[in-house]
Protein backbone atom coordinates (compact mmCIF):
# COMPACT_ATOMS: atom_id res chain seq x y z
CA MET A 1 -9.59 -46.11 63.16
CA THR A 2 -11.71 -49.11 64.08
CA GLY A 3 -14.70 -48.92 66.40
CA GLY A 4 -12.76 -50.56 69.27
CA ALA A 5 -9.80 -48.18 68.92
CA GLN A 6 -12.13 -45.20 68.79
CA GLU A 7 -13.90 -46.28 71.96
CA LEU A 8 -10.53 -46.66 73.75
CA ALA A 9 -9.51 -43.21 72.53
CA ASN A 10 -12.78 -41.81 73.88
CA ARG A 11 -12.09 -43.40 77.27
CA LEU A 12 -8.55 -42.01 77.38
CA GLU A 13 -9.85 -38.57 76.49
CA PHE A 14 -12.58 -38.67 79.13
CA LEU A 15 -10.05 -39.74 81.81
CA GLY A 16 -7.66 -36.99 80.72
CA ILE A 17 -4.92 -39.40 79.78
CA ASP A 18 -3.03 -37.36 77.21
CA SER A 19 0.59 -37.64 76.13
CA GLU A 20 1.84 -35.71 79.17
CA LYS A 21 -0.05 -37.89 81.60
CA ARG A 22 1.24 -40.96 79.82
CA GLN A 23 4.79 -39.71 80.53
CA PHE A 24 4.02 -39.37 84.24
CA ILE A 25 2.49 -42.87 84.22
CA VAL A 26 5.78 -44.19 82.91
CA LYS A 27 7.79 -42.08 85.41
CA SER A 28 5.68 -43.32 88.31
CA PHE A 29 6.45 -46.89 87.37
CA ASP A 30 10.14 -46.20 87.99
CA ALA A 31 9.30 -46.06 91.70
CA ILE A 32 6.65 -48.80 91.55
CA LYS A 33 8.58 -51.43 89.61
CA PRO A 34 10.98 -52.50 92.41
CA GLU A 35 8.10 -52.83 94.86
CA LEU A 36 5.62 -54.45 92.47
CA PRO A 37 6.42 -58.13 93.23
CA ASP A 38 6.06 -57.53 96.96
CA ILE A 39 2.80 -55.59 96.41
CA ILE A 40 1.40 -58.50 94.37
CA ALA A 41 2.58 -61.00 96.98
CA ARG A 42 0.84 -59.09 99.78
CA PHE A 43 -2.26 -58.83 97.59
CA TYR A 44 -2.48 -62.61 97.20
CA GLU A 45 -1.85 -63.11 100.89
CA ARG A 46 -4.91 -60.97 101.45
CA VAL A 47 -6.84 -62.82 98.78
CA MET A 48 -5.98 -66.26 100.15
CA GLY A 49 -6.94 -65.09 103.63
CA ASN A 50 -10.52 -64.53 102.44
CA PRO A 51 -12.53 -67.78 102.07
CA GLU A 52 -14.63 -66.43 99.20
CA THR A 53 -11.69 -65.23 97.07
CA ALA A 54 -9.53 -68.20 98.11
CA ALA A 55 -12.22 -70.53 96.75
CA ILE A 56 -12.09 -68.65 93.45
CA ILE A 57 -8.28 -68.92 93.24
CA GLY A 58 -8.61 -72.65 93.80
CA GLY A 59 -5.59 -73.39 95.97
CA PRO A 60 -2.01 -72.29 96.70
CA GLY A 61 -0.72 -74.02 93.59
CA ASN A 62 -2.26 -71.33 91.38
CA VAL A 63 -0.86 -68.35 93.32
CA SER A 64 2.64 -68.36 91.78
CA ARG A 65 1.25 -68.42 88.24
CA LEU A 66 -1.24 -65.66 89.01
CA GLN A 67 1.45 -63.48 90.67
CA LYS A 68 3.58 -63.61 87.52
CA ALA A 69 0.54 -62.77 85.40
CA GLN A 70 -0.31 -59.81 87.66
CA VAL A 71 3.25 -58.44 87.52
CA SER A 72 3.18 -58.70 83.73
CA HIS A 73 -0.21 -56.99 83.56
CA TRP A 74 0.73 -54.05 85.78
CA THR A 75 4.00 -53.65 83.95
CA SER A 76 2.08 -53.43 80.67
CA LEU A 77 -0.41 -50.99 82.18
CA PHE A 78 2.27 -48.57 83.40
CA SER A 79 4.03 -48.72 80.06
CA ALA A 80 1.17 -46.39 79.02
CA LYS A 81 0.96 -47.77 75.50
CA PHE A 82 -2.82 -48.34 75.70
CA ASP A 83 -2.94 -50.03 72.29
CA ALA A 84 -5.22 -52.71 70.86
CA ASP A 85 -3.28 -55.49 72.57
CA TYR A 86 -3.77 -53.83 75.93
CA ALA A 87 -7.52 -53.34 75.31
CA GLN A 88 -7.82 -56.97 74.23
CA ARG A 89 -6.06 -58.15 77.40
CA ALA A 90 -8.36 -55.97 79.54
CA VAL A 91 -11.42 -57.49 77.86
CA ALA A 92 -9.98 -60.99 78.33
CA ILE A 93 -9.44 -60.27 82.04
CA GLY A 94 -13.06 -59.16 82.42
CA ALA A 95 -14.24 -62.31 80.62
CA ALA A 96 -12.05 -64.46 82.88
CA HIS A 97 -13.49 -62.76 85.96
CA LEU A 98 -16.99 -63.56 84.73
CA ARG A 99 -16.02 -67.13 83.97
CA VAL A 100 -14.55 -67.81 87.44
CA GLY A 101 -17.25 -65.83 89.27
CA LEU A 102 -15.12 -62.90 90.48
CA GLU A 103 -17.75 -60.22 90.99
CA PRO A 104 -16.99 -56.49 90.55
CA ARG A 105 -17.25 -55.86 94.32
CA LEU A 106 -14.31 -58.20 94.92
CA TYR A 107 -12.45 -56.88 91.90
CA ILE A 108 -12.84 -53.25 93.01
CA ALA A 109 -11.68 -54.20 96.51
CA GLY A 110 -8.56 -55.75 94.99
CA TYR A 111 -7.90 -52.62 92.92
CA SER A 112 -8.35 -50.54 96.05
CA PHE A 113 -5.70 -52.57 97.87
CA ILE A 114 -3.16 -52.35 95.03
CA GLN A 115 -3.94 -48.66 94.47
CA GLY A 116 -3.25 -47.98 98.15
CA GLU A 117 0.02 -49.88 97.99
CA ILE A 118 1.07 -47.97 94.85
CA CYS A 119 0.16 -44.64 96.41
CA GLU A 120 2.25 -45.44 99.50
CA VAL A 121 5.21 -46.36 97.29
CA LEU A 122 4.90 -43.12 95.32
CA VAL A 123 4.55 -41.02 98.46
CA ARG A 124 7.64 -42.57 99.97
CA ALA A 125 9.61 -42.18 96.77
CA LEU A 126 8.49 -38.64 95.81
CA ARG A 127 7.62 -37.00 99.13
CA LYS A 128 10.39 -34.48 98.61
CA LYS A 129 9.02 -33.60 95.15
CA PRO A 130 5.42 -32.61 95.81
CA ASP A 131 4.67 -31.44 92.25
CA MET A 132 6.08 -34.61 90.76
CA LEU A 133 4.27 -36.66 93.41
CA ALA A 134 0.95 -35.03 92.62
CA LYS A 135 1.30 -35.57 88.88
CA CYS A 136 2.49 -39.16 89.31
CA LEU A 137 -0.34 -39.95 91.73
CA SER A 138 -2.88 -38.44 89.33
CA ALA A 139 -1.40 -40.32 86.37
CA ALA A 140 -1.19 -43.62 88.28
CA GLN A 141 -4.77 -43.30 89.53
CA ALA A 142 -6.00 -42.50 85.99
CA ALA A 143 -4.23 -45.58 84.63
CA ILE A 144 -5.63 -47.74 87.44
CA MET A 145 -9.17 -46.35 86.87
CA LEU A 146 -8.86 -46.96 83.12
CA ASP A 147 -7.76 -50.52 83.71
CA MET A 148 -10.49 -51.14 86.26
CA GLU A 149 -13.16 -49.53 84.05
CA LEU A 150 -12.12 -51.60 81.04
CA ALA A 151 -12.15 -54.82 83.05
CA ILE A 152 -15.46 -54.04 84.75
CA SER A 153 -17.02 -52.91 81.44
CA ALA A 154 -15.78 -56.11 79.83
CA TYR A 155 -17.18 -58.07 82.80
CA LEU A 156 -20.54 -56.34 82.47
CA THR A 157 -20.55 -56.57 78.69
CA GLN A 158 -19.61 -60.24 78.78
CA GLY A 159 -22.25 -60.76 81.46
CA GLU A 160 -24.85 -58.98 79.38
CA GLU A 161 -23.82 -60.93 76.31
CA LYS A 162 -24.00 -64.15 78.32
CA ARG A 163 -27.41 -63.19 79.62
CA HIS A 164 -28.38 -62.12 76.13
CA ARG A 165 -27.26 -65.48 74.76
CA GLU A 166 -29.00 -67.35 77.55
CA LEU A 167 -32.16 -65.31 77.08
CA GLY A 168 -31.85 -65.77 73.35
CA GLU A 169 -31.41 -69.49 73.81
CA LEU A 170 -34.31 -69.45 76.24
CA ALA A 171 -36.41 -67.50 73.75
CA ASP A 172 -35.35 -69.87 70.98
CA GLN A 173 -36.10 -72.86 73.21
CA LEU A 174 -39.40 -71.31 74.26
CA GLU A 175 -40.32 -70.55 70.69
CA ALA A 176 -39.15 -73.97 69.50
CA THR A 177 -41.00 -75.72 72.33
CA ILE A 178 -44.17 -73.74 71.76
CA GLN A 179 -43.78 -74.12 68.02
CA SER A 180 -43.31 -77.87 68.43
CA SER A 181 -46.28 -78.06 70.79
CA VAL A 182 -48.39 -75.92 68.49
CA ASP A 183 -47.33 -77.96 65.47
CA HIS A 184 -48.12 -81.15 67.39
CA VAL A 185 -51.49 -79.79 68.47
CA LEU A 186 -52.18 -78.54 64.94
CA GLU A 187 -51.19 -81.92 63.57
CA ASN A 188 -53.55 -83.61 66.02
CA MET A 189 -56.26 -81.07 65.23
CA ASN A 190 -55.74 -81.68 61.52
CA ARG A 191 -55.98 -85.41 62.18
CA THR A 192 -59.09 -84.76 64.26
CA SER A 193 -60.55 -82.66 61.44
CA GLU A 194 -59.68 -85.34 58.90
CA ALA A 195 -61.14 -88.00 61.20
CA ALA A 196 -64.25 -85.87 61.67
CA ARG A 197 -64.58 -85.43 57.90
CA TYR A 198 -63.96 -89.16 57.44
CA ILE A 199 -66.56 -90.00 60.08
CA HIS A 200 -68.95 -87.42 58.59
CA ASP A 201 -68.59 -88.92 55.11
CA HIS A 202 -68.95 -92.50 56.33
CA ILE A 203 -71.82 -91.60 58.64
CA ALA A 204 -73.55 -90.03 55.66
CA LYS A 205 -73.05 -93.30 53.78
CA VAL A 206 -74.21 -95.30 56.82
CA ASN A 207 -77.22 -93.02 57.14
CA GLN A 208 -78.02 -93.49 53.48
CA ARG A 209 -77.60 -97.24 53.80
CA ALA A 210 -79.64 -97.29 57.01
CA ASN A 211 -82.44 -95.41 55.27
CA SER A 212 -82.15 -97.77 52.33
CA VAL A 213 -82.21 -100.80 54.65
CA SER A 214 -85.15 -99.29 56.51
CA ASP A 215 -87.03 -98.78 53.25
CA SER A 216 -86.08 -102.28 52.07
CA THR A 217 -87.07 -103.70 55.44
CA GLN A 218 -90.39 -101.92 55.25
CA GLU A 219 -90.92 -103.29 51.76
CA THR A 220 -89.85 -106.75 52.97
CA ALA A 221 -92.30 -106.49 55.85
CA GLU A 222 -95.07 -105.67 53.39
CA ASN A 223 -94.02 -108.59 51.17
CA ILE A 224 -93.91 -110.88 54.21
CA SER A 225 -97.40 -109.72 55.12
CA ARG A 226 -98.52 -110.59 51.61
CA VAL A 227 -96.78 -113.98 51.90
CA ALA A 228 -98.50 -114.54 55.25
CA ALA A 229 -101.86 -113.74 53.69
CA ALA A 230 -101.10 -116.00 50.73
CA THR A 231 -99.95 -118.73 53.12
CA GLU A 232 -103.20 -118.46 55.03
CA GLU A 233 -105.14 -118.66 51.77
CA LEU A 234 -103.00 -121.63 50.74
CA THR A 235 -103.75 -123.28 54.08
CA VAL A 236 -107.46 -122.77 53.51
CA THR A 237 -107.08 -124.16 49.98
CA GLU A 238 -105.14 -127.15 51.30
CA GLN A 239 -107.87 -127.76 53.83
CA GLU A 240 -110.46 -127.60 51.05
CA ILE A 241 -108.33 -129.97 48.97
CA GLN A 242 -108.11 -132.33 51.91
CA SER A 243 -111.89 -132.12 52.28
CA GLN A 244 -112.44 -132.78 48.57
CA VAL A 245 -109.89 -135.59 48.62
CA GLY A 246 -111.74 -137.07 51.58
CA ARG A 247 -114.97 -136.86 49.66
CA CYS A 248 -113.29 -138.41 46.61
CA ALA A 249 -112.04 -141.22 48.80
CA GLU A 250 -115.56 -141.76 50.16
CA VAL A 251 -117.01 -141.73 46.63
CA ALA A 252 -114.27 -144.10 45.48
CA ARG A 253 -114.97 -146.42 48.36
CA SER A 254 -118.74 -146.26 47.57
CA ALA A 255 -118.00 -146.89 43.91
CA VAL A 256 -115.86 -149.87 44.82
CA ALA A 257 -118.73 -151.22 46.91
CA GLU A 258 -121.27 -150.59 44.13
CA VAL A 259 -118.97 -152.14 41.55
CA ALA A 260 -118.50 -155.10 43.84
CA ASN A 261 -122.28 -155.44 44.11
CA ALA A 262 -122.61 -155.09 40.35
CA SER A 263 -119.92 -157.71 39.89
CA GLU A 264 -121.78 -160.03 42.22
CA ARG A 265 -125.03 -159.41 40.34
CA MET A 266 -123.27 -159.96 37.05
CA THR A 267 -121.96 -163.22 38.47
CA GLY A 268 -125.54 -164.17 39.48
CA LEU A 269 -126.75 -163.14 36.04
CA SER A 270 -124.11 -165.29 34.45
CA GLU A 271 -125.14 -168.19 36.60
CA ALA A 272 -128.84 -167.59 35.74
CA SER A 273 -127.91 -167.41 32.08
CA ASP A 274 -126.18 -170.72 32.44
CA GLN A 275 -129.34 -172.16 34.04
CA ILE A 276 -131.46 -170.62 31.28
CA SER A 277 -129.07 -172.03 28.71
CA LYS A 278 -129.36 -175.41 30.34
CA ALA A 279 -133.19 -175.10 30.43
CA ALA A 280 -133.23 -173.99 26.80
CA THR A 281 -131.09 -176.95 25.91
CA LEU A 282 -133.51 -179.19 27.79
CA ILE A 283 -136.48 -177.56 26.04
CA SER A 284 -134.69 -177.92 22.72
CA ASP A 285 -134.12 -181.56 23.47
CA ILE A 286 -137.79 -181.95 24.46
CA ALA A 287 -138.86 -180.10 21.28
CA SER A 288 -136.69 -182.40 19.22
CA GLN A 289 -138.24 -185.40 20.92
CA THR A 290 -141.69 -183.85 20.46
CA ASN A 291 -140.96 -183.18 16.83
CA LEU A 292 -139.79 -186.77 16.45
CA LEU A 293 -142.95 -187.98 18.22
CA ALA A 294 -145.09 -185.71 15.98
CA LEU A 295 -143.32 -187.14 12.96
CA ASN A 296 -144.00 -190.63 14.20
CA ALA A 297 -147.65 -189.65 14.96
CA THR A 298 -148.02 -188.25 11.45
CA ILE A 299 -146.70 -191.46 10.01
CA GLU A 300 -149.07 -193.49 12.15
CA ALA A 301 -152.01 -191.17 11.28
CA ALA A 302 -151.26 -191.66 7.63
CA ARG A 303 -151.31 -195.34 8.20
CA ALA A 304 -154.65 -195.04 9.99
CA GLY A 305 -156.12 -193.26 7.11
CA GLU A 306 -159.29 -191.41 7.56
CA ALA A 307 -159.39 -192.33 11.19
CA GLY A 308 -156.07 -190.88 11.73
CA LYS A 309 -156.74 -187.51 10.05
CA GLY A 310 -157.69 -185.82 13.31
CA PHE A 311 -154.65 -187.22 14.99
CA ALA A 312 -152.61 -186.16 11.96
CA VAL A 313 -153.85 -182.62 12.46
CA VAL A 314 -152.87 -182.78 16.10
CA ALA A 315 -149.57 -184.29 15.16
CA ALA A 316 -149.04 -181.48 12.64
CA GLU A 317 -149.87 -178.91 15.29
CA VAL A 318 -147.54 -180.59 17.77
CA LYS A 319 -144.81 -180.67 15.14
CA ALA A 320 -145.39 -177.02 14.35
CA LEU A 321 -145.34 -176.27 18.06
CA ALA A 322 -142.18 -178.31 18.49
CA THR A 323 -140.63 -176.48 15.57
CA GLN A 324 -141.57 -173.13 17.10
CA THR A 325 -140.27 -174.32 20.46
CA THR A 326 -137.02 -175.31 18.83
CA LYS A 327 -136.77 -171.91 17.15
CA ALA A 328 -137.67 -170.17 20.40
CA THR A 329 -135.13 -172.27 22.23
CA GLU A 330 -132.53 -171.39 19.63
CA GLU A 331 -133.40 -167.71 19.99
CA ILE A 332 -133.26 -168.07 23.79
CA SER A 333 -129.89 -169.76 23.47
CA GLY A 334 -128.75 -166.92 21.24
CA PHE A 335 -130.04 -164.39 23.73
CA VAL A 336 -128.41 -166.29 26.59
CA ALA A 337 -125.15 -166.46 24.65
CA ALA A 338 -125.39 -162.72 24.01
CA ILE A 339 -126.16 -162.19 27.69
CA GLN A 340 -123.22 -164.35 28.62
CA ARG A 341 -120.96 -162.45 26.22
CA SER A 342 -122.25 -159.11 27.62
CA SER A 343 -121.85 -160.45 31.13
CA GLY A 344 -118.24 -161.35 30.32
CA ASP A 345 -117.64 -157.92 28.86
CA VAL A 346 -119.37 -156.28 31.80
CA SER A 347 -117.37 -158.40 34.20
CA THR A 348 -114.15 -157.44 32.45
CA ALA A 349 -115.23 -153.78 32.50
CA VAL A 350 -116.17 -154.07 36.16
CA ASP A 351 -112.75 -155.55 36.90
CA GLY A 352 -111.15 -152.60 35.04
CA ILE A 353 -113.36 -150.19 36.92
CA GLN A 354 -112.42 -151.83 40.18
CA GLN A 355 -108.71 -151.56 39.29
CA THR A 356 -109.17 -147.93 38.23
CA ILE A 357 -111.09 -147.12 41.38
CA ARG A 358 -108.39 -148.77 43.47
CA THR A 359 -105.76 -146.70 41.59
CA VAL A 360 -107.87 -143.58 42.15
CA GLU A 361 -108.12 -144.51 45.82
CA GLU A 362 -104.35 -144.93 46.04
CA ILE A 363 -103.83 -141.58 44.29
CA THR A 364 -106.41 -140.02 46.58
CA ASP A 365 -104.58 -141.39 49.61
CA ALA A 366 -101.28 -140.03 48.24
CA ILE A 367 -102.92 -136.66 47.61
CA ARG A 368 -104.36 -136.72 51.12
CA ILE A 369 -100.97 -137.53 52.66
CA SER A 370 -99.26 -134.88 50.50
CA SER A 371 -101.96 -132.38 51.41
CA GLU A 372 -101.51 -133.14 55.09
CA GLU A 373 -97.74 -132.68 54.77
CA GLN A 374 -98.29 -129.51 52.77
CA ALA A 375 -100.71 -128.31 55.43
CA ARG A 376 -98.11 -128.91 58.13
CA ALA A 377 -95.47 -127.16 56.02
CA ASN A 378 -97.85 -124.28 55.40
CA SER A 379 -98.49 -124.10 59.12
CA GLU A 380 -94.76 -123.93 59.82
CA ILE A 381 -94.33 -121.40 57.02
CA GLY A 382 -97.11 -119.35 58.52
CA VAL A 383 -95.47 -119.41 61.96
CA ASN A 384 -92.08 -118.51 60.48
CA VAL A 385 -93.61 -115.83 58.30
CA HIS A 386 -95.28 -114.27 61.32
CA ARG A 387 -91.99 -114.43 63.22
CA SER A 388 -90.16 -112.95 60.23
CA ALA A 389 -92.75 -110.23 59.98
CA GLU A 390 -92.31 -109.43 63.67
CA GLY A 391 -88.50 -109.52 63.32
CA THR A 392 -88.69 -107.37 60.22
CA ARG A 393 -90.83 -104.83 62.05
CA LEU A 394 -88.29 -104.81 64.88
CA VAL A 395 -85.42 -104.44 62.39
CA SER A 396 -87.25 -101.65 60.63
CA GLY A 397 -87.79 -99.88 63.94
CA SER A 398 -84.15 -100.46 64.92
CA MET A 399 -82.96 -99.10 61.59
CA ARG A 400 -85.06 -96.00 62.11
CA GLU A 401 -83.43 -95.63 65.53
CA VAL A 402 -80.03 -96.23 63.92
CA ALA A 403 -80.79 -93.58 61.31
CA LYS A 404 -81.78 -91.18 64.09
CA GLU A 405 -78.62 -91.97 66.09
CA VAL A 406 -76.51 -91.63 62.94
CA SER A 407 -78.11 -88.27 62.29
CA ASP A 408 -77.30 -87.20 65.86
CA VAL A 409 -73.71 -88.44 65.52
CA ASN A 410 -73.46 -86.61 62.22
CA GLY A 411 -74.53 -83.42 63.97
CA ARG A 412 -71.99 -84.03 66.73
CA THR A 413 -69.33 -84.65 64.10
CA ASP A 414 -70.19 -81.34 62.45
CA GLU A 415 -69.86 -79.67 65.85
CA LEU A 416 -66.51 -81.44 66.38
CA SER A 417 -65.31 -80.27 62.98
CA GLN A 418 -66.38 -76.71 63.75
CA ILE A 419 -64.68 -76.86 67.17
CA SER A 420 -61.55 -78.30 65.56
CA THR A 421 -61.52 -75.51 62.99
CA ALA A 422 -62.04 -72.89 65.71
CA LEU A 423 -59.27 -74.42 67.84
CA THR A 424 -56.97 -74.50 64.83
CA ASP A 425 -57.63 -70.79 64.24
CA GLU A 426 -57.06 -70.06 67.93
CA ILE A 427 -53.82 -72.06 67.95
CA GLN A 428 -52.64 -70.24 64.84
CA GLU A 429 -53.44 -66.97 66.57
CA LEU A 430 -51.61 -68.25 69.68
CA ARG A 431 -48.58 -69.05 67.54
CA ARG A 432 -48.63 -65.56 66.03
CA THR A 433 -49.01 -64.07 69.52
CA VAL A 434 -46.11 -66.14 70.86
CA ARG A 435 -43.94 -65.10 67.93
CA THR A 436 -44.83 -61.47 68.58
CA LEU A 437 -44.13 -61.80 72.31
CA VAL A 438 -40.84 -63.61 71.73
CA GLY A 439 -39.88 -61.00 69.16
CA LYS A 440 -40.69 -58.22 71.60
CA LEU A 441 -38.72 -60.08 74.27
CA ARG A 442 -35.73 -60.28 71.97
CA THR A 443 -35.92 -56.61 71.07
CA HIS A 444 -36.81 -55.33 74.53
CA GLU A 445 -34.32 -53.01 76.22
CA GLU A 446 -34.11 -55.30 79.26
CA PHE A 447 -33.31 -58.19 76.95
CA ASP A 448 -30.68 -56.39 74.93
CA ARG A 449 -28.61 -54.29 77.33
CA ARG A 450 -26.55 -52.90 74.50
CA ALA A 451 -29.10 -50.19 73.91
CA ALA A 452 -26.23 -47.71 74.16
CA TYR A 453 -25.03 -49.13 70.86
CA ARG A 454 -28.44 -48.72 69.22
CA VAL A 455 -29.05 -45.76 66.93
CA GLU A 456 -32.10 -44.45 65.16
CA CYS A 457 -31.48 -44.04 61.45
CA ARG A 458 -32.99 -43.78 57.99
CA LEU A 459 -30.86 -46.05 55.83
CA SER A 460 -32.04 -47.37 52.48
CA ALA A 461 -31.22 -51.00 51.79
CA ASP A 462 -32.36 -54.00 49.80
CA ALA A 463 -33.61 -57.17 51.46
CA ARG A 464 -32.75 -60.22 49.37
CA LEU A 465 -34.75 -63.31 50.33
CA THR A 466 -33.61 -66.90 49.91
CA THR A 467 -36.07 -67.20 47.03
CA GLY A 468 -34.02 -64.62 45.12
CA LYS A 469 -36.67 -61.93 45.44
CA THR A 470 -35.34 -58.48 46.39
CA GLN A 471 -37.43 -55.88 48.23
CA PRO A 472 -36.37 -52.31 49.06
CA VAL A 473 -36.55 -51.47 52.78
CA THR A 474 -35.59 -48.67 55.14
CA ILE A 475 -33.48 -49.45 58.22
CA THR A 476 -35.02 -47.37 61.02
CA ASN A 477 -33.14 -48.75 64.04
CA LEU A 478 -29.64 -50.22 64.17
CA SER A 479 -27.69 -52.03 66.91
CA ALA A 480 -24.63 -54.23 67.10
CA ASP A 481 -26.76 -57.38 66.93
CA GLY A 482 -29.67 -56.43 64.74
CA CYS A 483 -31.89 -53.82 63.23
CA ALA A 484 -35.48 -52.91 62.46
CA VAL A 485 -36.75 -52.26 58.95
CA SER A 486 -39.97 -50.66 57.77
CA GLY A 487 -42.98 -52.85 57.02
CA THR A 488 -44.37 -56.06 58.54
CA ASP A 489 -44.84 -58.19 55.42
CA LEU A 490 -41.19 -58.81 54.64
CA ALA A 491 -40.96 -62.50 55.63
CA ARG A 492 -42.20 -64.92 58.26
CA THR A 493 -40.51 -65.39 61.62
CA GLY A 494 -37.35 -67.48 61.34
CA ALA A 495 -36.82 -66.72 57.65
CA LEU A 496 -33.31 -65.92 56.42
CA LEU A 497 -32.44 -62.90 54.27
CA THR A 498 -29.54 -60.65 53.35
CA LEU A 499 -29.49 -56.87 53.81
CA GLU A 500 -27.52 -55.09 51.11
CA PHE A 501 -26.65 -51.39 51.50
CA GLY A 502 -23.93 -48.98 50.51
CA ALA A 503 -21.42 -49.91 47.87
CA SER A 504 -20.21 -53.19 49.30
CA HIS A 505 -21.95 -53.86 52.61
CA SER A 506 -24.19 -56.86 53.25
CA LEU A 507 -25.40 -58.60 56.39
CA SER A 508 -26.96 -62.03 56.84
CA CYS A 509 -30.07 -61.80 59.03
CA VAL A 510 -32.84 -63.89 60.53
CA VAL A 511 -36.36 -62.50 61.03
CA LEU A 512 -37.27 -62.24 64.73
CA ASN A 513 -40.78 -60.83 64.48
CA ALA A 514 -42.95 -58.19 62.91
CA ALA A 515 -44.62 -55.64 65.20
CA ASP A 516 -45.41 -51.94 65.48
CA GLY A 517 -45.14 -51.46 61.74
CA ARG A 518 -41.57 -52.81 61.62
CA THR A 519 -39.81 -56.13 61.06
CA HIS A 520 -37.04 -56.89 63.55
CA LEU A 521 -33.96 -58.67 62.26
CA LYS A 522 -31.04 -60.33 64.04
CA PHE A 523 -27.57 -60.34 62.49
CA LYS A 524 -25.96 -63.73 62.03
CA GLY A 525 -22.29 -64.19 62.91
CA LYS A 526 -20.05 -61.41 64.25
CA ALA A 527 -21.67 -58.33 65.78
CA LEU A 528 -21.84 -55.22 63.62
CA ASP A 529 -19.22 -52.46 64.15
CA ILE A 530 -21.60 -49.48 64.00
CA PRO A 531 -18.96 -46.70 64.16
CA ALA A 532 -17.03 -48.38 61.37
CA LEU A 533 -20.22 -48.74 59.35
CA ARG A 534 -21.13 -45.13 59.97
CA SER A 535 -17.65 -44.03 58.92
CA ALA A 536 -17.75 -46.20 55.80
CA LEU A 537 -21.13 -44.73 54.82
CA GLY A 538 -19.86 -41.22 55.33
CA GLY A 539 -22.14 -40.49 58.27
CA LYS A 540 -25.28 -41.16 56.20
CA SER A 541 -26.47 -44.09 58.27
CA ALA A 542 -27.77 -42.15 61.22
CA ALA A 543 -30.03 -39.20 61.50
CA ALA A 544 -30.11 -38.15 65.11
């Protein structure tokens, strides 16, 4: 016997519907059957007269179809077969009532009306047979109560299942939304952490480079200071060069003047030499004439004889003097010629000296001009060097400030990284908490109204994970939709696994959550038939 058939049998037993009462249900229908269409017609007149129920019916066009369905249903009910088809129809009716919004209060009122009509029919038909009337009334009321209980139970069960599905969907949506939000936040936090690490690494490089630039700038400033000092020394040297060049120019100009004077004197000397040469020539001519006269006097003295001896002596002396004069004149002429040659050489040398001095003067002027330009350039260099030194000092100070700011930012980045790590841990904890809360929501009694179908048990099973790994577990709590197994380290929330137990039983499950030392699982697909499972396991599944 299946679980559904066993439950129906339990209901029949509790209502006292045995084989004898079934016979009286059938007998009572002999009186009810002729009146049933009119009873149903009056019922729908009442229903259509009520705005609430009329709105549910949806209009007069549906009444005829519903009347036929009601006649068929009541005919089946009073056939007293109470088989699986009947139970399935009763469940379908309850589901339809839920779907169209026919609440139990309206449904019970309708049953009350039809029950009253049926009782009146039976009383009229069997009033002369009180025993038969009593048994038929009891049987008819039992059948009506069974039908109403099945429909209402189906309504409530369908309603609970609908609410369970909606709550499950809500829980799934809540979990998915929170999971998505958490994943998004974690992704952003991971990006933030990566960005913080990236910034930290690059700030460290920037800090290193800033320190290096600061050191280089400091060294540059020192070098610039040395250049400034050297430039100042060079300026002083250039000034000294200009002074020396000025002195050289003065000396050159003095030398030119002296050489000019010497040249003039040499010109005067040359002219004097010419005059001396002319005078020497004149003296030489006179000496020649004197010598000629002395020769003539000597000849005349010789002619005079003894009287001319004295004159001959004088003539000899004059001749000797003339000869000496001639020699002296020749020597003077030689000296004058030598002087003239020396004067020419000196004049040539003086001309060379003058040319050299003029060249030196030109070079000195060029050096002076170059020195002046170099002095101006040195002055500009000095100004620029001082500006560069000042700028370098400012840059060095700025780089020290940059290094300080970089160090501060680095510290802030470390704090950001620590905060990001802490937030990541808190979000992970929040995700675990949400999973636990959602799992508790899914397994809470108010969430799963089918607690009546839940049993405590001690059932050994194997949990086979999607990875192929198998782990022995103990099922400690079993319901139509899920179970709880021992341990909390089976698998993460949302993981799929298969429970294998008994000789040939297996169930596909999804992990809801792990709490209170147990992992809660939800069955996938059709709900579990616990009585059938218990029967198949020989009653070993539950230990009350």
